[in-house]
């Protein structure tokens, strides 16, 4: 069963409505939901398509008769597909037939077609990788200049591509009307002009500089500011800084993708920096002071006697700023006790002597019940 809404309900009219009442209802709703009055409103756009489809059927006597008798399914079986394959070009054409070029000012329908054609020729986006060191990420970068090449509009023709003349196929309207015969009679359909692709004009003489494309290659320089704390693969989009579209088409965007350079000693974990510190067995037993690197300097940390392998020490405030909160992270120092694979005879004797000491033997962990007995003196 069809889930489409009833056409009479969409236009807010009764089933006995006259052609004039149908046209009046459509005109009122079309003005209300027209995309130019509701830019960026997807709901209004869909509503405009829906009311245009309803008008297309109910304003045609043959289609209305089939719809009144068999509903939406009857239109499908009879070869009427409504707006299922139509785009905004066809909808705006029907809109222009009712309101004329004077709606919203002279040539509005034609202007819409030209604007849509221009948007269709939008230039490609450009993606550039910007490598950043940990210092760049910590401090941010002000007034970073990026040099790149892109397509810009041709100076010789102003981006038009050359001289144009009115399309003789559509008379400059960008659409043509096709009439086909069907079981229910003759069907009239308005479609995009195949000669000018809906633009209403055809290139008469191509520009000698850009050869009709309307673009040329040029070197560009943009200046950006990289905020502190950005992450790897985070990107910044500069609207309109990409390639120019052909023959006056809109510009694409420039996308700057941040790429964090690999650091020889640190591993980044959010706003924290991980650092592995290897110490000897005597240093672990006796304790010591070790010097570790920071992003651009060094700092000393104290190793307490008896530290175990895997212990993580924290150097506060020496990490990276968090992009969202601005909070500064830490350097997390993971201590690893170095154990040599080979030792000399003298070292072996020292180790064997230490092994005899009770203090160097691991203590067995007492169970919960043993701890209770010790506390009770049992």
Protein backbone atom coordinates (compact mmCIF):
# COMPACT_ATOMS: atom_id res chain seq x y z
CA UNK A 1 0.00 0.00 0.00
CA UNK A 2 1.26 3.50 -0.86
CA UNK A 3 2.51 5.63 2.02
CA UNK A 4 2.27 8.85 0.02
CA UNK A 5 -0.08 11.56 1.30
CA UNK A 6 -3.32 12.35 -0.46
CA UNK A 7 -2.84 15.08 -3.08
CA UNK A 8 -6.01 16.92 -2.08
CA UNK A 9 -4.86 16.89 1.55
CA UNK A 10 -1.46 18.27 0.55
CA UNK A 11 -3.02 21.26 -1.24
CA UNK A 12 -5.71 21.67 1.42
CA UNK A 13 -8.63 21.43 -1.01
CA UNK A 14 -11.74 19.25 -1.45
CA UNK A 15 -12.15 16.59 -4.12
CA UNK A 16 -14.69 18.82 -5.90
CA UNK A 17 -12.24 21.74 -6.21
CA UNK A 18 -12.16 23.54 -9.53
CA UNK A 19 -9.04 24.08 -11.63
CA UNK A 20 -8.92 27.67 -10.47
CA UNK A 21 -9.13 26.61 -6.81
CA UNK A 22 -6.36 24.06 -7.38
CA UNK A 23 -4.13 26.67 -8.99
CA UNK A 24 -4.86 29.20 -6.24
CA UNK A 25 -4.03 26.66 -3.47
CA UNK A 26 -0.79 25.67 -5.19
CA UNK A 27 0.24 29.28 -5.74
CA UNK A 28 -0.28 30.09 -2.04
CA UNK A 29 1.71 27.07 -0.80
CA UNK A 30 4.45 27.37 -3.43
CA UNK A 31 5.21 30.93 -2.37
CA UNK A 32 5.31 29.84 1.29
CA UNK A 33 7.65 26.87 0.80
CA UNK A 34 9.76 28.14 -2.10
CA UNK A 35 13.48 27.23 -1.54
CA UNK A 36 14.59 30.82 -2.09
CA UNK A 37 12.53 31.87 0.93
CA UNK A 38 13.63 28.88 3.01
CA UNK A 39 17.31 28.43 2.21
CA UNK A 40 18.85 25.48 4.06
CA UNK A 41 15.43 24.24 5.28
CA UNK A 42 15.22 20.61 4.11
CA UNK A 43 11.67 20.22 5.39
CA UNK A 44 10.48 23.18 3.32
CA UNK A 45 12.33 21.80 0.30
CA UNK A 46 10.56 18.44 0.58
CA UNK A 47 7.22 20.19 1.09
CA UNK A 48 7.80 22.26 -2.06
CA UNK A 49 8.43 19.07 -4.04
CA UNK A 50 5.32 17.44 -2.55
CA UNK A 51 2.93 20.31 -3.38
CA UNK A 52 4.44 20.61 -6.89
CA UNK A 53 3.81 16.90 -7.49
CA UNK A 54 0.24 17.24 -6.24
CA UNK A 55 -0.40 20.19 -8.55
CA UNK A 56 1.14 18.39 -11.52
CA UNK A 57 -1.41 15.58 -11.15
CA UNK A 58 -4.55 17.48 -10.10
CA UNK A 59 -4.15 20.23 -12.70
CA UNK A 60 -4.14 17.63 -15.49
CA UNK A 61 -7.65 16.34 -16.25
CA UNK A 62 -6.54 12.88 -17.38
CA UNK A 63 -4.14 12.33 -14.47
CA UNK A 64 -6.70 13.63 -11.98
CA UNK A 65 -9.34 11.25 -13.33
CA UNK A 66 -6.97 8.27 -12.94
CA UNK A 67 -5.93 9.42 -9.46
CA UNK A 68 -9.54 9.92 -8.28
CA UNK A 69 -10.42 6.39 -9.38
CA UNK A 70 -7.30 4.34 -8.59
CA UNK A 71 -5.15 6.55 -6.31
CA UNK A 72 -1.33 6.61 -6.42
CA UNK A 73 -1.11 3.04 -7.67
CA UNK A 74 -3.26 3.92 -10.66
CA UNK A 75 -0.79 6.63 -11.67
CA UNK A 76 2.08 4.16 -11.49
CA UNK A 77 0.28 1.47 -13.50
CA UNK A 78 -0.78 4.02 -16.08
CA UNK A 79 2.76 5.18 -16.67
CA UNK A 80 2.55 8.36 -14.61
CA UNK A 81 5.47 8.51 -12.21
CA UNK A 82 4.79 11.93 -10.74
CA UNK A 83 8.04 13.60 -9.67
CA UNK A 84 9.85 10.39 -8.78
CA UNK A 85 12.49 10.97 -11.44
CA UNK A 86 12.36 14.73 -11.60
CA UNK A 87 14.83 17.16 -10.13
CA UNK A 88 14.51 20.75 -9.04
CA UNK A 89 15.01 21.90 -12.62
CA UNK A 90 11.69 20.35 -13.63
CA UNK A 91 9.93 21.57 -10.49
CA UNK A 92 11.12 25.13 -11.00
CA UNK A 93 10.06 24.94 -14.63
CA UNK A 94 6.50 24.07 -13.61
CA UNK A 95 6.70 26.81 -10.99
CA UNK A 96 7.77 29.30 -13.64
CA UNK A 97 4.90 28.29 -15.94
CA UNK A 98 2.41 29.40 -13.26
CA UNK A 99 4.13 32.46 -11.78
CA UNK A 100 6.09 33.63 -14.81
CA UNK A 101 9.53 35.22 -14.96
CA UNK A 102 8.21 38.23 -13.08
CA UNK A 103 7.89 36.29 -9.79
CA UNK A 104 10.35 37.69 -7.20
CA UNK A 105 11.58 40.10 -9.87
CA UNK A 106 12.21 39.78 -13.58
CA UNK A 107 13.95 36.65 -14.86
CA UNK A 108 13.78 34.88 -11.49
CA UNK A 109 13.20 31.41 -12.94
CA UNK A 110 16.06 31.80 -15.38
CA UNK A 111 18.28 33.15 -12.60
CA UNK A 112 17.55 30.07 -10.52
CA UNK A 113 18.60 27.81 -13.37
CA UNK A 114 21.82 29.77 -13.86
CA UNK A 115 22.56 29.64 -10.13
CA UNK A 116 21.99 25.90 -9.96
CA UNK A 117 24.17 25.37 -13.04
CA UNK A 118 26.91 27.45 -11.39
CA UNK A 119 26.67 25.44 -8.18
CA UNK A 120 26.84 22.23 -10.21
CA UNK A 121 30.18 23.39 -11.66
CA UNK A 122 31.64 23.94 -8.20
CA UNK A 123 35.41 23.58 -8.11
CA UNK A 124 37.16 20.70 -6.40
CA UNK A 125 38.36 20.87 -2.81
CA UNK A 126 42.10 20.91 -2.10
CA UNK A 127 43.54 18.92 0.80
CA UNK A 128 46.94 19.87 2.25
CA UNK A 129 48.80 18.12 5.07
CA UNK A 130 50.49 20.37 7.63
CA UNK A 131 53.10 18.62 9.78
CA UNK A 132 53.27 19.77 13.39
CA UNK A 133 55.87 19.06 16.08
CA UNK A 134 54.89 18.58 19.73
CA UNK A 135 56.16 22.09 20.36
CA UNK A 136 53.84 23.42 17.62
CA UNK A 137 50.95 21.55 19.20
CA UNK A 138 51.79 22.80 22.68
CA UNK A 139 52.22 26.46 21.74
CA UNK A 140 50.04 26.77 18.64
CA UNK A 141 51.16 28.71 15.58
CA UNK A 142 50.17 32.27 14.72
CA UNK A 143 50.17 33.56 11.14
CA UNK A 144 51.30 30.32 9.55
CA UNK A 145 51.70 30.89 5.80
CA UNK A 146 50.80 28.04 3.46
CA UNK A 147 51.77 28.18 -0.21
CA UNK A 148 49.90 26.02 -2.73
CA UNK A 149 48.66 25.97 -6.33
CA UNK A 150 45.03 26.11 -7.37
CA UNK A 151 42.74 26.98 -10.27
CA UNK A 152 41.49 30.59 -10.22
CA UNK A 153 39.17 32.45 -12.57
CA UNK A 154 40.68 33.53 -15.86
CA UNK A 155 41.48 37.26 -15.98
CA UNK A 156 40.99 37.50 -19.72
CA UNK A 157 37.32 36.40 -19.75
CA UNK A 158 36.42 37.03 -16.11
CA UNK A 159 35.83 33.32 -15.60
CA UNK A 160 33.03 33.05 -18.17
CA UNK A 161 35.05 30.97 -20.64
CA UNK A 162 34.35 33.24 -23.61
CA UNK A 163 31.46 34.76 -25.54
CA UNK A 164 27.98 33.18 -25.35
CA UNK A 165 24.82 33.26 -27.40
CA UNK A 166 21.25 32.34 -26.55
CA UNK A 167 20.51 28.65 -27.00
CA UNK A 168 18.34 28.21 -30.10
CA UNK A 169 16.92 24.90 -28.86
CA UNK A 170 15.23 26.32 -25.74
CA UNK A 171 15.25 30.02 -26.58
CA UNK A 172 17.32 30.79 -23.48
CA UNK A 173 14.88 29.19 -21.03
CA UNK A 174 17.09 26.21 -20.21
CA UNK A 175 14.19 23.76 -20.59
CA UNK A 176 12.25 22.19 -23.45
CA UNK A 177 8.81 20.62 -23.55
CA UNK A 178 8.37 17.06 -24.75
CA UNK A 179 5.04 15.57 -25.73
CA UNK A 180 4.58 11.81 -25.82
CA UNK A 181 1.56 9.62 -26.52
CA UNK A 182 0.38 7.06 -23.99
CA UNK A 183 -2.62 4.87 -23.27
CA UNK A 184 -4.25 7.79 -21.46
CA UNK A 185 -3.50 10.31 -24.17
CA UNK A 186 -0.79 12.86 -24.80
CA UNK A 187 1.60 13.64 -21.92
CA UNK A 188 3.48 16.94 -21.75
CA UNK A 189 6.75 16.97 -19.84
CA UNK A 190 9.23 19.82 -19.25
CA UNK A 191 12.87 18.68 -19.14
CA UNK A 192 16.35 20.26 -19.07
CA UNK A 193 17.49 21.43 -22.49
CA UNK A 194 19.95 18.84 -23.92
CA UNK A 195 21.83 21.48 -25.95
CA UNK A 196 22.76 23.97 -23.21
CA UNK A 197 22.34 21.64 -20.18
CA UNK A 198 19.83 24.01 -18.60
CA UNK A 199 21.97 27.17 -18.79
CA UNK A 200 20.07 28.88 -21.60
CA UNK A 201 23.31 29.88 -23.34
CA UNK A 202 25.86 28.16 -25.56
CA UNK A 203 29.54 29.06 -25.89
CA UNK A 204 29.98 30.96 -29.16
CA UNK A 205 33.71 31.72 -29.00
CA UNK A 206 36.07 30.23 -26.43
CA UNK A 207 38.54 32.42 -24.56
CA UNK A 208 42.00 32.22 -26.16
CA UNK A 209 43.69 32.14 -22.75
CA UNK A 210 41.68 29.48 -20.88
CA UNK A 211 40.21 27.79 -23.98
CA UNK A 212 36.66 27.96 -22.67
CA UNK A 213 37.23 26.58 -19.17
CA UNK A 214 37.16 29.96 -17.42
CA UNK A 215 40.01 28.97 -15.10
CA UNK A 216 43.80 29.10 -14.96
CA UNK A 217 46.45 27.79 -12.57
CA UNK A 218 48.02 30.16 -10.05
CA UNK A 219 50.10 30.11 -6.88
CA UNK A 220 48.26 31.11 -3.73
CA UNK A 221 49.33 31.91 -0.15
CA UNK A 222 46.95 31.70 2.79
CA UNK A 223 47.65 32.59 6.42
CA UNK A 224 46.15 30.50 9.19
CA UNK A 225 46.39 30.25 12.97
CA UNK A 226 46.81 26.79 14.47
CA UNK A 227 45.30 26.68 17.97
CA UNK A 228 47.17 24.86 20.78
CA UNK A 229 46.25 21.26 21.50
CA UNK A 230 45.14 20.11 18.05
CA UNK A 231 45.24 16.38 17.44
CA UNK A 232 46.53 14.21 14.63
CA UNK A 233 44.16 14.18 11.60
CA UNK A 234 42.14 17.13 12.91
CA UNK A 235 41.38 19.44 10.00
CA UNK A 236 40.66 23.09 9.31
CA UNK A 237 38.42 24.10 6.40
CA UNK A 238 38.91 27.41 4.58
CA UNK A 239 35.76 28.10 2.58
CA UNK A 240 36.22 29.19 -1.02
CA UNK A 241 40.00 28.68 -1.03
CA UNK A 242 39.92 25.58 -3.22
CA UNK A 243 39.80 25.30 -7.03
CA UNK A 244 37.54 27.63 -9.02
CA UNK A 245 34.71 25.92 -10.88
CA UNK A 246 34.72 26.05 -14.66
CA UNK A 247 32.89 28.89 -16.43
CA UNK A 248 32.06 30.90 -13.31
CA UNK A 249 31.39 27.92 -11.06
CA UNK A 250 31.69 28.32 -7.29
CA UNK A 251 35.03 27.82 -5.55
CA UNK A 252 35.79 24.64 -3.64
CA UNK A 253 37.34 24.61 -0.16
CA UNK A 254 40.89 24.29 1.12
CA UNK A 255 41.17 21.59 3.78
CA UNK A 256 44.26 21.71 5.99
CA UNK A 257 44.86 18.33 7.62
CA UNK A 258 47.08 18.40 10.72
CA UNK A 259 49.68 15.64 10.88
CA UNK A 260 51.59 15.11 14.12
CA UNK A 261 55.27 14.39 13.61
CA UNK A 262 56.55 11.27 15.36
CA UNK A 263 58.66 12.15 18.41
CA UNK A 264 61.81 10.08 19.10
CA UNK A 265 61.14 9.81 22.87
CA UNK A 266 57.50 10.62 23.63
CA UNK A 267 54.27 8.84 22.81
CA UNK A 268 51.20 11.05 22.94
CA UNK A 269 48.15 9.92 24.90
CA UNK A 270 45.57 12.69 24.71
CA UNK A 271 47.13 15.65 26.48
CA UNK A 272 49.66 13.44 28.34
CA UNK A 273 53.09 12.37 27.07
CA UNK A 274 54.40 8.87 27.84
CA UNK A 275 58.13 8.36 28.43
CA UNK A 276 59.95 5.11 29.21
CA UNK A 277 62.80 5.41 31.74
CA UNK A 278 65.22 2.54 32.18
CA UNK A 279 67.21 2.31 35.46
CA UNK A 280 69.69 -0.22 36.84
CA UNK A 281 69.07 -2.70 39.66
CA UNK A 282 71.30 -0.74 42.11
CA UNK A 283 69.45 2.48 41.24
CA UNK A 284 66.14 0.76 41.88
CA UNK A 285 67.36 -0.53 45.26
CA UNK A 286 69.22 2.55 46.46
CA UNK A 287 67.17 5.26 44.77
CA UNK A 288 68.59 7.99 42.56
CA UNK A 289 67.91 11.21 40.67
CA UNK A 290 67.45 10.98 36.90
CA UNK A 291 67.24 13.64 34.21
CA UNK A 292 64.46 13.21 31.65
CA UNK A 293 63.57 15.27 28.56
CA UNK A 294 60.55 17.54 28.18
CA UNK A 295 59.27 18.95 24.86
CA UNK A 296 62.06 21.53 24.64
CA UNK A 297 64.19 21.17 27.77
CA UNK A 298 65.11 18.71 30.58
CA UNK A 299 63.93 18.16 34.14
CA UNK A 300 65.18 16.07 37.06
CA UNK A 301 63.00 13.54 38.88
CA UNK A 302 63.65 11.62 42.09
CA UNK A 303 63.59 7.81 42.13
CA UNK A 304 62.70 6.54 45.58
CA UNK A 305 64.59 3.49 46.95
CA UNK A 306 62.83 0.18 46.33
CA UNK A 307 60.90 1.29 43.26
CA UNK A 308 59.40 -1.56 41.25
CA UNK A 309 59.44 -2.11 37.50
CA UNK A 310 56.32 -0.73 35.79
CA UNK A 311 55.83 2.08 38.32
CA UNK A 312 54.54 5.29 36.67
CA UNK A 313 55.78 8.64 37.93
CA UNK A 314 54.01 11.87 37.02
CA UNK A 315 55.65 15.17 36.06
CA UNK A 316 52.73 17.56 36.30
CA UNK A 317 51.97 20.30 33.82
CA UNK A 318 54.66 19.36 31.32
CA UNK A 319 52.39 17.74 28.74
CA UNK A 320 50.14 19.27 26.08
CA UNK A 321 47.10 21.53 26.39
CA UNK A 322 43.71 19.91 25.82
CA UNK A 323 42.10 21.43 22.70
CA UNK A 324 38.62 21.61 24.22
CA UNK A 325 39.25 22.43 27.89
CA UNK A 326 42.68 24.07 27.74
CA UNK A 327 43.84 21.89 30.65
CA UNK A 328 47.54 21.01 30.47
CA UNK A 329 48.49 17.35 30.62
CA UNK A 330 51.46 15.64 32.27
CA UNK A 331 54.54 13.65 31.39
CA UNK A 332 53.99 10.08 32.57
CA UNK A 333 57.31 8.34 33.27
CA UNK A 334 57.14 4.55 33.21
CA UNK A 335 60.08 3.05 35.12
CA UNK A 336 61.65 -0.13 33.78
CA UNK A 337 64.41 -1.92 35.70
CA UNK A 338 67.17 -3.03 33.38
CA UNK A 339 68.39 -6.62 33.84
CA UNK A 340 71.50 -7.57 31.86
CA UNK A 341 71.44 -10.81 29.86
CA UNK A 342 75.12 -11.60 30.55
CA UNK A 343 77.30 -10.83 33.61
CA UNK A 344 80.97 -11.28 34.57
CA UNK A 345 82.28 -13.77 37.15
CA UNK A 346 82.71 -11.03 39.73
CA UNK A 347 79.15 -9.80 39.14
CA UNK A 348 77.84 -13.34 39.46
CA UNK A 349 79.56 -13.75 42.83
CA UNK A 350 78.02 -10.49 44.05
CA UNK A 351 74.58 -11.57 42.89
CA UNK A 352 74.92 -15.00 44.51
CA UNK A 353 75.93 -13.35 47.75
CA UNK A 354 72.92 -11.03 47.58
CA UNK A 355 70.68 -13.99 46.83
CA UNK A 356 71.63 -15.49 50.21
CA UNK A 357 70.26 -12.42 51.99
CA UNK A 358 66.71 -12.72 53.28
CA UNK A 359 66.15 -9.09 52.38
CA UNK A 360 66.60 -9.86 48.66
CA UNK A 361 64.16 -12.76 48.69
CA UNK A 362 60.54 -12.04 47.69
CA UNK A 363 58.16 -12.22 50.59
CA UNK A 364 55.17 -14.49 50.29
CA UNK A 365 51.92 -12.62 50.42
CA UNK A 366 49.80 -13.55 53.40
CA UNK A 367 46.21 -14.56 52.95
CA UNK A 368 43.35 -12.63 54.50
CA UNK A 369 42.96 -15.22 57.28
CA UNK A 370 46.68 -15.14 58.10
CA UNK A 371 46.47 -11.36 58.50
CA UNK A 372 43.49 -11.77 60.84
CA UNK A 373 45.44 -14.31 62.94
CA UNK A 374 48.41 -11.94 63.15
CA UNK A 375 46.14 -9.11 64.34
CA UNK A 376 44.53 -11.37 66.95
CA UNK A 377 47.88 -12.75 68.07
CA UNK A 378 46.78 -16.34 67.31
